[in-house]
Amino acid sequence: MIRVAIADDHQLVRAGFRALLDSEPDIEVLVEASGGEELLRLVRETPVDVALLDIRMPDGDGLWTTEQIAADPALTGLRVVIVTTFELDEYVARAIRAGASGFLVKDTEPVDLIRAVRVVASGDALLSPGVTRRLLERAAGGLRDAPDPRVLAELTERETEVLRLVAQGLTNDEMARHLFLSPLTVKTHVSRIMRKLHARDRAQLVVIGYESGLVAPGWR
């Protein structure tokens, strides 16, 4: 069972998310909060696997709350999905560096919300949808003043190639087709890259791809 927390200062939004997620046999909403401080207190009392955070909230916004979760060893297993809008691109880079594993827009389709929870709970990151690619690309300019390719020194040539594709938002299956490898082999490469670069998840691999200059804003 995937345990979920929802933090949003609009009760109607929380109720809608809860009704949708609780209707799934493998998902259960255990925590609701109207702000970041409340969310942190509740998830320390009631452990959950995934937290859906509004980025604009009183008493601790989604960005601050993500940073607090990432810094708390007791919440290491908690994955964060930020619920955002295009107007807030400047926060995306900071949130993803802090440990956010995915992003959704508030008018997302119900099936995408359910998929996001399952993908993030599995330890992956929600990076495939075009909306997230655009958000990351727009936010990339704020990641670092100058690219630093030295962070990739420990990677093999193949691992560097895989990282470039991860940073472009490709799934394991898409990378397998592109590289003529099996999905399992690609998954192994991704796991090794994460270990070498000390990345929390694929979302942080995307950030490293931009920070190192391996991928630049404006890629196709």
Protein backbone atom coordinates (compact mmCIF):
# COMPACT_ATOMS: atom_id res chain seq x y z
CA MET A 1 0.00 0.00 0.00
CA ILE A 2 1.37 3.45 -0.96
CA ARG A 3 0.88 5.90 1.90
CA VAL A 4 0.34 9.51 0.86
CA ALA A 5 0.38 12.95 2.50
CA ILE A 6 -1.24 16.02 0.92
CA ALA A 7 -0.31 19.60 1.81
CA ASP A 8 -2.35 22.42 0.30
CA ASP A 9 -3.97 25.46 1.87
CA HIS A 10 -7.15 24.95 -0.18
CA GLN A 11 -9.42 22.38 1.44
CA LEU A 12 -11.23 21.70 -1.83
CA VAL A 13 -7.96 20.74 -3.53
CA ARG A 14 -7.04 18.40 -0.68
CA ALA A 15 -10.48 16.81 -0.74
CA GLY A 16 -10.30 16.28 -4.50
CA PHE A 17 -6.85 14.71 -4.34
CA ARG A 18 -7.88 12.49 -1.43
CA ALA A 19 -11.05 11.26 -3.13
CA LEU A 20 -9.12 10.43 -6.31
CA LEU A 21 -6.22 8.66 -4.61
CA ASP A 22 -8.29 6.79 -2.02
CA SER A 23 -10.31 5.29 -4.86
CA GLU A 24 -7.22 3.32 -5.95
CA PRO A 25 -6.74 -0.09 -4.31
CA ASP A 26 -3.00 0.41 -3.74
CA ILE A 27 -3.01 4.04 -2.50
CA GLU A 28 -4.15 5.46 0.82
CA VAL A 29 -4.08 9.11 1.97
CA LEU A 30 -3.05 9.15 5.63
CA VAL A 31 -2.13 12.81 6.15
CA GLU A 32 -3.67 16.16 5.19
CA ALA A 33 -2.13 19.53 6.05
CA SER A 34 -2.72 23.16 5.15
CA GLY A 35 0.93 24.19 5.41
CA GLY A 36 4.49 22.97 5.61
CA GLU A 37 4.95 23.13 9.38
CA GLU A 38 1.81 21.07 9.94
CA LEU A 39 2.80 18.59 7.24
CA LEU A 40 6.24 18.02 8.81
CA ARG A 41 4.76 17.46 12.25
CA LEU A 42 2.19 14.98 10.95
CA VAL A 43 4.52 12.89 8.77
CA ARG A 44 6.89 12.49 11.70
CA GLU A 45 3.99 11.01 13.64
CA THR A 46 2.47 9.06 10.74
CA PRO A 47 5.07 7.79 8.23
CA VAL A 48 4.14 8.08 4.53
CA ASP A 49 5.83 7.22 1.25
CA VAL A 50 4.86 10.20 -0.93
CA ALA A 51 4.01 13.83 -0.13
CA LEU A 52 2.13 16.04 -2.59
CA LEU A 53 3.10 19.63 -1.78
CA ASP A 54 1.58 22.85 -3.04
CA ILE A 55 4.39 25.28 -3.69
CA ARG A 56 2.48 28.25 -2.27
CA MET A 57 1.29 27.71 1.28
CA PRO A 58 1.29 29.69 4.52
CA ASP A 59 3.25 28.32 7.43
CA GLY A 60 5.95 26.81 5.24
CA ASP A 61 5.70 26.69 1.44
CA GLY A 62 6.44 23.65 -0.72
CA LEU A 63 10.02 24.67 -1.42
CA TRP A 64 10.90 25.16 2.25
CA THR A 65 9.09 21.97 3.21
CA THR A 66 10.99 19.96 0.58
CA GLU A 67 14.27 21.27 1.96
CA GLN A 68 13.26 20.30 5.50
CA ILE A 69 12.29 16.78 4.40
CA ALA A 70 15.58 16.32 2.55
CA ALA A 71 17.56 17.46 5.59
CA ASP A 72 15.80 15.18 8.09
CA PRO A 73 17.35 11.68 8.36
CA ALA A 74 14.08 10.41 9.83
CA LEU A 75 12.31 11.27 6.56
CA THR A 76 14.85 9.74 4.17
CA GLY A 77 12.30 7.47 2.50
CA LEU A 78 9.74 10.21 1.91
CA ARG A 79 9.40 11.24 -1.74
CA VAL A 80 8.09 14.66 -2.70
CA VAL A 81 5.96 15.70 -5.66
CA ILE A 82 5.62 19.47 -6.06
CA VAL A 83 2.30 20.77 -7.38
CA THR A 84 3.20 23.89 -9.33
CA THR A 85 2.33 26.27 -12.17
CA PHE A 86 4.40 27.68 -15.02
CA GLU A 87 4.54 31.03 -13.23
CA LEU A 88 6.75 29.50 -10.55
CA ASP A 89 9.59 28.17 -12.68
CA GLU A 90 12.20 29.98 -10.59
CA TYR A 91 11.48 27.62 -7.68
CA VAL A 92 11.75 24.39 -9.62
CA ALA A 93 15.55 24.15 -9.71
CA ARG A 94 15.84 24.75 -5.97
CA ALA A 95 13.12 22.23 -5.16
CA ILE A 96 14.59 19.51 -7.32
CA ARG A 97 18.04 20.06 -5.84
CA ALA A 98 16.51 19.77 -2.39
CA GLY A 99 15.10 16.36 -3.27
CA ALA A 100 11.76 16.75 -5.06
CA SER A 101 11.13 13.72 -7.26
CA GLY A 102 8.43 15.11 -9.52
CA PHE A 103 6.23 18.00 -10.57
CA LEU A 104 2.59 18.35 -11.52
CA VAL A 105 0.49 21.29 -12.64
CA LYS A 106 -2.72 21.81 -10.69
CA ASP A 107 -4.96 21.14 -13.67
CA THR A 108 -3.28 17.80 -14.42
CA GLU A 109 -5.40 14.89 -15.56
CA PRO A 110 -6.47 12.55 -12.74
CA VAL A 111 -4.63 9.62 -14.32
CA ASP A 112 -1.40 11.65 -14.25
CA LEU A 113 -1.74 12.36 -10.54
CA ILE A 114 -2.23 8.66 -9.80
CA ARG A 115 0.69 7.75 -12.04
CA ALA A 116 2.90 10.34 -10.33
CA VAL A 117 2.26 8.83 -6.93
CA ARG A 118 3.05 5.32 -8.13
CA VAL A 119 6.16 6.33 -10.09
CA VAL A 120 7.66 8.33 -7.24
CA ALA A 121 6.79 5.71 -4.63
CA SER A 122 8.72 3.15 -6.68
CA GLY A 123 11.86 5.24 -6.27
CA ASP A 124 11.79 6.72 -9.75
CA ALA A 125 11.21 10.35 -10.71
CA LEU A 126 8.43 11.85 -12.76
CA LEU A 127 10.54 13.33 -15.55
CA SER A 128 8.97 12.07 -18.75
CA PRO A 129 6.03 14.46 -19.27
CA GLY A 130 6.75 17.44 -21.48
CA VAL A 131 5.68 19.83 -18.77
CA THR A 132 8.50 18.74 -16.50
CA ARG A 133 11.05 18.91 -19.30
CA ARG A 134 10.05 22.51 -20.01
CA LEU A 135 10.12 23.43 -16.33
CA LEU A 136 13.60 21.96 -15.89
CA GLU A 137 14.87 23.65 -19.03
CA ARG A 138 13.56 27.05 -17.98
CA ALA A 139 14.93 26.63 -14.48
CA ALA A 140 18.33 25.36 -15.58
CA GLY A 141 19.80 28.83 -15.82
CA GLY A 142 19.54 29.16 -12.05
CA LEU A 143 21.30 25.93 -11.20
CA ARG A 144 24.89 27.10 -11.38
CA ASP A 145 26.78 30.15 -12.62
CA ALA A 146 29.10 28.06 -14.77
CA PRO A 147 29.06 24.39 -15.82
CA ASP A 148 31.44 22.10 -13.94
CA PRO A 149 32.28 18.99 -16.00
CA ARG A 150 34.56 17.64 -13.25
CA VAL A 151 31.59 16.07 -11.48
CA LEU A 152 31.41 13.50 -14.28
CA ALA A 153 35.04 12.39 -14.01
CA GLU A 154 34.20 9.00 -12.48
CA LEU A 155 31.71 8.02 -15.19
CA THR A 156 32.55 5.75 -18.10
CA GLU A 157 31.81 6.87 -21.64
CA ARG A 158 28.64 4.74 -21.71
CA GLU A 159 27.50 6.08 -18.33
CA THR A 160 28.00 9.64 -19.53
CA GLU A 161 25.88 8.85 -22.57
CA VAL A 162 23.16 7.39 -20.36
CA LEU A 163 23.25 10.41 -18.06
CA ARG A 164 22.78 12.73 -21.03
CA LEU A 165 19.64 10.85 -22.02
CA VAL A 166 18.35 10.81 -18.44
CA ALA A 167 18.84 14.57 -18.30
CA GLN A 168 16.79 14.90 -21.46
CA GLY A 169 13.88 13.18 -19.72
CA LEU A 170 13.98 9.79 -21.46
CA THR A 171 12.57 6.73 -19.72
CA ASN A 172 14.55 3.49 -19.38
CA ASP A 173 12.61 1.95 -22.26
CA GLU A 174 13.27 4.96 -24.49
CA MET A 175 16.97 4.89 -23.65
CA ALA A 176 17.12 1.15 -24.31
CA ARG A 177 15.74 1.66 -27.81
CA HIS A 178 18.06 4.58 -28.46
CA LEU A 179 21.18 2.75 -27.27
CA PHE A 180 20.18 -0.73 -28.52
CA LEU A 181 20.39 -2.12 -24.99
CA SER A 182 17.95 -4.02 -22.80
CA PRO A 183 15.89 -1.99 -20.29
CA LEU A 184 17.52 -4.00 -17.49
CA THR A 185 21.00 -3.00 -18.68
CA VAL A 186 19.93 0.64 -18.83
CA LYS A 187 18.49 0.40 -15.33
CA THR A 188 21.82 -1.01 -14.11
CA HIS A 189 23.70 1.88 -15.71
CA VAL A 190 21.37 4.41 -14.10
CA SER A 191 21.80 2.81 -10.67
CA ARG A 192 25.60 2.89 -11.00
CA ILE A 193 25.51 6.54 -12.08
CA MET A 194 23.36 7.45 -9.08
CA ARG A 195 25.81 5.73 -6.73
CA LYS A 196 28.86 7.39 -8.29
CA LEU A 197 27.29 10.85 -8.27
CA HIS A 198 25.58 10.42 -4.87
CA ALA A 199 22.23 11.33 -6.42
CA ARG A 200 19.03 10.78 -4.46
CA ASP A 201 17.04 9.89 -7.59
CA ARG A 202 16.70 10.56 -11.33
CA ALA A 203 15.50 14.07 -10.69
CA GLN A 204 18.86 14.98 -9.22
CA LEU A 205 20.61 13.30 -12.14
CA VAL A 206 18.82 15.80 -14.38
CA VAL A 207 20.17 18.66 -12.26
CA ILE A 208 23.69 17.21 -12.49
CA GLY A 209 23.30 16.97 -16.26
CA TYR A 210 22.64 20.71 -16.40
CA GLU A 211 25.19 21.69 -13.76
CA SER A 212 27.97 19.80 -15.52
CA GLY A 213 27.14 21.31 -18.91
CA LEU A 214 26.34 17.87 -20.32
CA VAL A 215 22.89 19.15 -21.26
CA ALA A 216 22.14 22.81 -21.88
CA PRO A 217 18.87 24.76 -21.95
CA GLY A 218 17.40 24.70 -25.43
CA TRP A 219 18.21 21.02 -26.21
CA ARG A 220 15.87 19.10 -28.47
